[in-house]
Amino acid sequence: MNIKSSQVLVEEAKKSIETLSSDEVKLLYENKEITLIDVRDIRELWKEGTIENSKHIPRGMLEFWLDPESPYYQSNKIEDIKKMVLFCALGLRSALATKSLVDMGYKNIAHVEGGFDALKKSGFKIVTKEKK
């Protein structure tokens, strides 16, 4: 079976999307120019927390929650959003997610190189995510 590896898909996605360093994201965040979108699984948020004031849209629901024609559409997830910047744990899922949203027609979107780990190292405030 001849399939593309996930790494190849990520590398291809990165060629057609905007990638920001965690330091670039920190500056944009502090200037209130972006909305951070955490695409990690809810169990990752429970375990590690998330960036303060980020929105959680799990990778598995991203396209459905942001598609106005989907029965799962959640307009409240993207109200008042300037630029969406997606992140995951290390920057792999967020690259694929960003490419998917670009393919859907979203503009003004990017992802964070190095993901949540890089954001933590750049000094973002981490908040706990409580189980409901």
N, C-alpha and C. Protein backbone atom coordinates (compact mmCIF):
# COMPACT_ATOMS: atom_id res chain seq x y z
N MET A 1 0.86 -1.19 0.00
CA MET A 1 0.00 0.00 0.00
C MET A 1 0.89 1.24 0.00
N ASN A 2 0.59 2.16 -0.89
CA ASN A 2 1.40 3.36 -1.03
C ASN A 2 0.61 4.56 -0.53
N ILE A 3 0.86 4.97 0.71
CA ILE A 3 0.14 6.10 1.28
C ILE A 3 1.14 7.20 1.67
N LYS A 4 0.65 8.42 1.73
CA LYS A 4 1.46 9.54 2.20
C LYS A 4 1.53 9.48 3.71
N SER A 5 2.69 9.73 4.24
CA SER A 5 2.82 9.75 5.70
C SER A 5 2.19 11.02 6.26
N SER A 6 1.86 10.98 7.54
CA SER A 6 1.32 12.17 8.18
C SER A 6 2.34 13.31 8.14
N GLN A 7 3.62 12.98 8.24
CA GLN A 7 4.66 14.01 8.19
C GLN A 7 4.67 14.70 6.83
N VAL A 8 4.50 13.94 5.76
CA VAL A 8 4.44 14.53 4.42
C VAL A 8 3.22 15.44 4.31
N LEU A 9 2.09 15.01 4.83
CA LEU A 9 0.89 15.86 4.80
C LEU A 9 1.12 17.18 5.54
N VAL A 10 1.79 17.10 6.69
CA VAL A 10 2.08 18.31 7.46
C VAL A 10 3.02 19.22 6.67
N GLU A 11 4.07 18.64 6.09
CA GLU A 11 5.02 19.45 5.31
C GLU A 11 4.34 20.11 4.11
N GLU A 12 3.46 19.39 3.45
CA GLU A 12 2.71 19.95 2.31
C GLU A 12 1.79 21.07 2.79
N ALA A 13 1.12 20.85 3.92
CA ALA A 13 0.21 21.87 4.45
C ALA A 13 0.97 23.15 4.75
N LYS A 14 2.15 23.02 5.35
CA LYS A 14 2.93 24.20 5.76
C LYS A 14 3.34 25.07 4.57
N LYS A 15 3.37 24.48 3.38
CA LYS A 15 3.73 25.26 2.18
C LYS A 15 2.63 26.24 1.78
N SER A 16 1.40 25.99 2.23
CA SER A 16 0.29 26.83 1.77
C SER A 16 -0.42 27.56 2.91
N ILE A 17 0.18 27.58 4.09
CA ILE A 17 -0.44 28.27 5.22
C ILE A 17 0.58 29.20 5.87
N GLU A 18 0.08 30.10 6.70
CA GLU A 18 0.95 30.99 7.45
C GLU A 18 1.33 30.32 8.77
N THR A 19 2.63 30.30 9.05
CA THR A 19 3.13 29.73 10.30
C THR A 19 3.79 30.85 11.09
N LEU A 20 3.40 30.97 12.35
CA LEU A 20 3.94 32.02 13.21
C LEU A 20 4.74 31.39 14.34
N SER A 21 5.82 32.06 14.75
CA SER A 21 6.57 31.60 15.92
C SER A 21 5.78 31.97 17.17
N SER A 22 6.08 31.31 18.27
CA SER A 22 5.37 31.61 19.51
C SER A 22 5.64 33.04 19.97
N ASP A 23 6.82 33.56 19.68
CA ASP A 23 7.12 34.95 20.05
C ASP A 23 6.30 35.94 19.21
N GLU A 24 6.13 35.64 17.92
CA GLU A 24 5.28 36.47 17.07
C GLU A 24 3.83 36.44 17.59
N VAL A 25 3.38 35.25 17.95
CA VAL A 25 2.02 35.08 18.46
C VAL A 25 1.85 35.86 19.75
N LYS A 26 2.85 35.83 20.63
CA LYS A 26 2.76 36.55 21.90
C LYS A 26 2.55 38.04 21.66
N LEU A 27 3.27 38.61 20.74
CA LEU A 27 3.13 40.04 20.43
C LEU A 27 1.74 40.34 19.88
N LEU A 28 1.27 39.55 18.94
CA LEU A 28 -0.07 39.74 18.38
C LEU A 28 -1.14 39.57 19.46
N TYR A 29 -0.96 38.59 20.33
CA TYR A 29 -1.90 38.32 21.43
C TYR A 29 -1.95 39.50 22.39
N GLU A 30 -0.79 40.00 22.77
CA GLU A 30 -0.73 41.13 23.71
C GLU A 30 -1.35 42.39 23.10
N ASN A 31 -1.29 42.52 21.78
CA ASN A 31 -1.89 43.66 21.08
C ASN A 31 -3.36 43.40 20.73
N LYS A 32 -3.89 42.26 21.19
CA LYS A 32 -5.29 41.88 20.96
C LYS A 32 -5.65 41.83 19.47
N GLU A 33 -4.70 41.33 18.66
CA GLU A 33 -4.90 41.25 17.22
C GLU A 33 -5.33 39.87 16.75
N ILE A 34 -5.33 38.89 17.65
CA ILE A 34 -5.63 37.51 17.26
C ILE A 34 -6.53 36.85 18.30
N THR A 35 -7.14 35.74 17.87
CA THR A 35 -7.83 34.83 18.78
C THR A 35 -7.13 33.49 18.66
N LEU A 36 -6.68 32.96 19.79
CA LEU A 36 -6.04 31.65 19.79
C LEU A 36 -7.09 30.55 19.84
N ILE A 37 -6.92 29.55 19.00
CA ILE A 37 -7.83 28.42 18.93
C ILE A 37 -7.03 27.15 19.28
N ASP A 38 -7.42 26.51 20.36
CA ASP A 38 -6.78 25.27 20.81
C ASP A 38 -7.51 24.11 20.17
N VAL A 39 -6.83 23.34 19.31
CA VAL A 39 -7.48 22.24 18.60
C VAL A 39 -7.17 20.88 19.24
N ARG A 40 -6.54 20.90 20.41
CA ARG A 40 -6.20 19.64 21.07
C ARG A 40 -7.45 18.94 21.61
N ASP A 41 -7.30 17.68 21.93
CA ASP A 41 -8.38 16.89 22.52
C ASP A 41 -8.67 17.41 23.92
N ILE A 42 -9.92 17.35 24.35
CA ILE A 42 -10.31 17.85 25.66
C ILE A 42 -9.49 17.21 26.79
N ARG A 43 -9.12 15.94 26.62
CA ARG A 43 -8.32 15.27 27.66
C ARG A 43 -6.95 15.93 27.82
N GLU A 44 -6.40 16.47 26.73
CA GLU A 44 -5.13 17.19 26.81
C GLU A 44 -5.30 18.49 27.61
N LEU A 45 -6.43 19.16 27.41
CA LEU A 45 -6.69 20.40 28.15
C LEU A 45 -6.88 20.12 29.64
N TRP A 46 -7.59 19.04 29.95
CA TRP A 46 -7.78 18.67 31.36
C TRP A 46 -6.44 18.39 32.02
N LYS A 47 -5.57 17.71 31.30
CA LYS A 47 -4.28 17.28 31.86
C LYS A 47 -3.28 18.44 31.96
N GLU A 48 -3.20 19.27 30.92
CA GLU A 48 -2.13 20.27 30.82
C GLU A 48 -2.58 21.72 30.93
N GLY A 49 -3.91 21.94 30.87
CA GLY A 49 -4.40 23.31 30.83
C GLY A 49 -4.37 23.85 29.42
N THR A 50 -4.68 25.14 29.30
CA THR A 50 -4.68 25.79 27.98
C THR A 50 -4.26 27.24 28.16
N ILE A 51 -4.13 27.95 27.06
CA ILE A 51 -3.75 29.36 27.10
C ILE A 51 -4.95 30.19 27.54
N GLU A 52 -4.72 31.10 28.46
CA GLU A 52 -5.79 31.96 28.95
C GLU A 52 -6.46 32.69 27.78
N ASN A 53 -7.78 32.70 27.80
CA ASN A 53 -8.63 33.36 26.79
C ASN A 53 -8.61 32.71 25.41
N SER A 54 -8.02 31.52 25.29
CA SER A 54 -8.10 30.83 24.00
C SER A 54 -9.46 30.14 23.91
N LYS A 55 -9.86 29.84 22.68
CA LYS A 55 -11.11 29.11 22.45
C LYS A 55 -10.74 27.66 22.14
N HIS A 56 -11.57 26.73 22.61
CA HIS A 56 -11.32 25.32 22.33
C HIS A 56 -12.25 24.84 21.24
N ILE A 57 -11.66 24.40 20.13
CA ILE A 57 -12.42 23.76 19.06
C ILE A 57 -11.65 22.48 18.73
N PRO A 58 -12.12 21.32 19.20
CA PRO A 58 -11.36 20.09 18.98
C PRO A 58 -11.15 19.80 17.50
N ARG A 59 -9.98 19.28 17.18
CA ARG A 59 -9.61 19.01 15.79
C ARG A 59 -10.69 18.21 15.06
N GLY A 60 -11.27 17.25 15.74
CA GLY A 60 -12.27 16.40 15.09
C GLY A 60 -13.56 17.10 14.73
N MET A 61 -13.83 18.25 15.33
CA MET A 61 -15.08 18.98 15.05
C MET A 61 -14.85 20.30 14.32
N LEU A 62 -13.60 20.67 14.10
CA LEU A 62 -13.25 21.98 13.56
C LEU A 62 -14.04 22.37 12.31
N GLU A 63 -13.94 21.54 11.28
CA GLU A 63 -14.60 21.87 10.02
C GLU A 63 -16.12 21.93 10.18
N PHE A 64 -16.67 21.08 11.05
CA PHE A 64 -18.12 21.03 11.23
C PHE A 64 -18.63 22.24 12.03
N TRP A 65 -17.90 22.62 13.08
CA TRP A 65 -18.31 23.75 13.90
C TRP A 65 -18.16 25.07 13.14
N LEU A 66 -17.25 25.12 12.16
CA LEU A 66 -17.01 26.37 11.45
C LEU A 66 -17.61 26.40 10.05
N ASP A 67 -18.44 25.43 9.73
CA ASP A 67 -19.13 25.38 8.44
C ASP A 67 -20.58 25.84 8.63
N PRO A 68 -20.93 27.02 8.10
CA PRO A 68 -22.29 27.54 8.29
C PRO A 68 -23.38 26.60 7.77
N GLU A 69 -23.05 25.68 6.87
CA GLU A 69 -24.04 24.77 6.33
C GLU A 69 -24.12 23.46 7.11
N SER A 70 -23.25 23.28 8.09
CA SER A 70 -23.23 22.05 8.88
C SER A 70 -24.28 22.11 9.99
N PRO A 71 -24.92 20.99 10.31
CA PRO A 71 -25.85 20.98 11.45
C PRO A 71 -25.12 21.21 12.78
N TYR A 72 -23.80 21.09 12.78
CA TYR A 72 -23.00 21.29 14.00
C TYR A 72 -22.44 22.71 14.11
N TYR A 73 -22.78 23.57 13.14
CA TYR A 73 -22.22 24.93 13.10
C TYR A 73 -22.41 25.66 14.42
N GLN A 74 -21.34 26.29 14.89
CA GLN A 74 -21.39 27.06 16.14
C GLN A 74 -20.85 28.46 15.88
N SER A 75 -21.73 29.34 15.44
CA SER A 75 -21.31 30.70 15.12
C SER A 75 -20.68 31.40 16.31
N ASN A 76 -21.09 31.01 17.52
CA ASN A 76 -20.54 31.66 18.71
C ASN A 76 -19.05 31.38 18.87
N LYS A 77 -18.53 30.37 18.20
CA LYS A 77 -17.11 30.05 18.31
C LYS A 77 -16.24 31.06 17.57
N ILE A 78 -16.82 31.74 16.58
CA ILE A 78 -15.99 32.65 15.80
C ILE A 78 -16.51 34.08 15.75
N GLU A 79 -17.43 34.41 16.64
CA GLU A 79 -17.90 35.79 16.71
C GLU A 79 -16.76 36.68 17.17
N ASP A 80 -16.66 37.85 16.63
CA ASP A 80 -15.67 38.85 17.05
C ASP A 80 -14.22 38.37 16.93
N ILE A 81 -13.96 37.47 16.03
CA ILE A 81 -12.59 37.00 15.84
C ILE A 81 -11.91 37.85 14.79
N LYS A 82 -10.73 38.32 15.13
CA LYS A 82 -9.92 39.08 14.18
C LYS A 82 -9.17 38.08 13.31
N LYS A 83 -8.03 37.64 13.77
CA LYS A 83 -7.25 36.63 13.07
C LYS A 83 -7.25 35.38 13.94
N MET A 84 -7.56 34.23 13.33
CA MET A 84 -7.53 32.97 14.06
C MET A 84 -6.12 32.40 13.99
N VAL A 85 -5.59 32.02 15.15
CA VAL A 85 -4.30 31.34 15.21
C VAL A 85 -4.50 30.02 15.95
N LEU A 86 -4.34 28.93 15.22
CA LEU A 86 -4.58 27.60 15.76
C LEU A 86 -3.32 27.04 16.40
N PHE A 87 -3.52 26.27 17.47
CA PHE A 87 -2.39 25.54 18.04
C PHE A 87 -2.85 24.18 18.55
N CYS A 88 -1.91 23.25 18.56
CA CYS A 88 -2.11 21.92 19.13
C CYS A 88 -0.96 21.69 20.10
N ALA A 89 -0.55 20.46 20.31
CA ALA A 89 0.54 20.20 21.26
C ALA A 89 1.90 20.63 20.70
N LEU A 90 2.18 20.23 19.44
CA LEU A 90 3.51 20.48 18.87
C LEU A 90 3.49 21.22 17.53
N GLY A 91 2.29 21.45 16.97
CA GLY A 91 2.21 22.18 15.70
C GLY A 91 1.95 21.31 14.49
N LEU A 92 1.66 20.04 14.69
CA LEU A 92 1.38 19.16 13.56
C LEU A 92 -0.11 19.16 13.21
N ARG A 93 -0.97 18.86 14.19
CA ARG A 93 -2.42 18.87 13.94
C ARG A 93 -2.89 20.26 13.55
N SER A 94 -2.30 21.29 14.17
CA SER A 94 -2.74 22.66 13.85
C SER A 94 -2.37 23.05 12.43
N ALA A 95 -1.27 22.51 11.91
CA ALA A 95 -0.91 22.78 10.51
C ALA A 95 -1.97 22.19 9.58
N LEU A 96 -2.35 20.94 9.83
CA LEU A 96 -3.37 20.29 9.02
C LEU A 96 -4.72 20.99 9.17
N ALA A 97 -5.05 21.39 10.40
CA ALA A 97 -6.32 22.07 10.66
C ALA A 97 -6.36 23.43 9.95
N THR A 98 -5.27 24.15 9.99
CA THR A 98 -5.21 25.46 9.33
C THR A 98 -5.36 25.30 7.82
N LYS A 99 -4.70 24.29 7.26
CA LYS A 99 -4.82 24.02 5.82
C LYS A 99 -6.27 23.70 5.47
N SER A 100 -6.93 22.93 6.29
CA SER A 100 -8.32 22.58 6.05
C SER A 100 -9.21 23.82 6.03
N LEU A 101 -9.00 24.73 6.99
CA LEU A 101 -9.81 25.96 7.03
C LEU A 101 -9.50 26.88 5.85
N VAL A 102 -8.24 26.93 5.43
CA VAL A 102 -7.87 27.70 4.23
C VAL A 102 -8.60 27.11 3.02
N ASP A 103 -8.60 25.77 2.93
CA ASP A 103 -9.30 25.10 1.82
C ASP A 103 -10.79 25.38 1.85
N MET A 104 -11.35 25.59 3.04
CA MET A 104 -12.77 25.91 3.18
C MET A 104 -13.06 27.36 2.77
N GLY A 105 -12.03 28.18 2.70
CA GLY A 105 -12.22 29.57 2.30
C GLY A 105 -11.93 30.59 3.39
N TYR A 106 -11.51 30.12 4.56
CA TYR A 106 -11.18 31.06 5.63
C TYR A 106 -9.91 31.81 5.28
N LYS A 107 -9.91 33.08 5.62
CA LYS A 107 -8.75 33.96 5.41
C LYS A 107 -8.26 34.40 6.79
N ASN A 108 -7.14 35.07 6.80
CA ASN A 108 -6.64 35.65 8.05
C ASN A 108 -6.53 34.59 9.14
N ILE A 109 -5.80 33.54 8.82
CA ILE A 109 -5.65 32.39 9.70
C ILE A 109 -4.22 31.90 9.64
N ALA A 110 -3.73 31.41 10.76
CA ALA A 110 -2.35 30.90 10.83
C ALA A 110 -2.30 29.83 11.92
N HIS A 111 -1.11 29.23 12.06
CA HIS A 111 -0.92 28.29 13.16
C HIS A 111 0.43 28.57 13.81
N VAL A 112 0.60 28.00 15.01
CA VAL A 112 1.79 28.25 15.82
C VAL A 112 2.81 27.13 15.63
N GLU A 113 3.99 27.49 15.18
CA GLU A 113 5.10 26.53 15.10
C GLU A 113 5.45 26.07 16.51
N GLY A 114 5.46 24.78 16.74
CA GLY A 114 5.82 24.26 18.06
C GLY A 114 4.66 24.13 19.02
N GLY A 115 3.50 24.64 18.65
CA GLY A 115 2.27 24.44 19.41
C GLY A 115 2.29 24.92 20.85
N PHE A 116 1.51 24.22 21.67
CA PHE A 116 1.31 24.57 23.08
C PHE A 116 2.64 24.59 23.83
N ASP A 117 3.52 23.65 23.52
CA ASP A 117 4.83 23.62 24.18
C ASP A 117 5.58 24.92 23.96
N ALA A 118 5.60 25.39 22.72
CA ALA A 118 6.30 26.64 22.39
C ALA A 118 5.62 27.84 23.05
N LEU A 119 4.30 27.84 23.08
CA LEU A 119 3.57 28.95 23.71
C LEU A 119 3.89 29.03 25.20
N LYS A 120 3.94 27.87 25.86
CA LYS A 120 4.29 27.84 27.29
C LYS A 120 5.67 28.45 27.51
N LYS A 121 6.62 28.08 26.66
CA LYS A 121 8.00 28.59 26.79
C LYS A 121 8.08 30.09 26.53
N SER A 122 7.13 30.63 25.76
CA SER A 122 7.11 32.08 25.47
C SER A 122 6.42 32.88 26.57
N GLY A 123 5.97 32.20 27.61
CA GLY A 123 5.44 32.91 28.77
C GLY A 123 3.95 33.17 28.78
N PHE A 124 3.19 32.48 27.94
CA PHE A 124 1.74 32.63 27.98
C PHE A 124 1.20 32.12 29.30
N LYS A 125 0.13 32.75 29.79
CA LYS A 125 -0.51 32.31 31.03
C LYS A 125 -1.32 31.05 30.74
N ILE A 126 -1.08 30.02 31.52
CA ILE A 126 -1.78 28.74 31.37
C ILE A 126 -2.89 28.68 32.43
N VAL A 127 -4.07 28.29 32.01
CA VAL A 127 -5.20 28.13 32.92
C VAL A 127 -5.67 26.69 32.89
N THR A 128 -6.20 26.22 34.01
CA THR A 128 -6.69 24.86 34.08
C THR A 128 -8.05 24.75 33.39
N LYS A 129 -8.32 23.59 32.87
CA LYS A 129 -9.61 23.32 32.21
C LYS A 129 -10.32 22.28 33.07
N GLU A 130 -11.42 22.68 33.66
CA GLU A 130 -12.15 21.78 34.55
C GLU A 130 -13.03 20.82 33.76
N LYS A 131 -13.14 19.60 34.28
CA LYS A 131 -14.08 18.64 33.70
C LYS A 131 -15.48 19.08 34.09
N LYS A 132 -16.40 18.99 33.15
CA LYS A 132 -17.78 19.39 33.44
C LYS A 132 -18.59 18.20 33.86
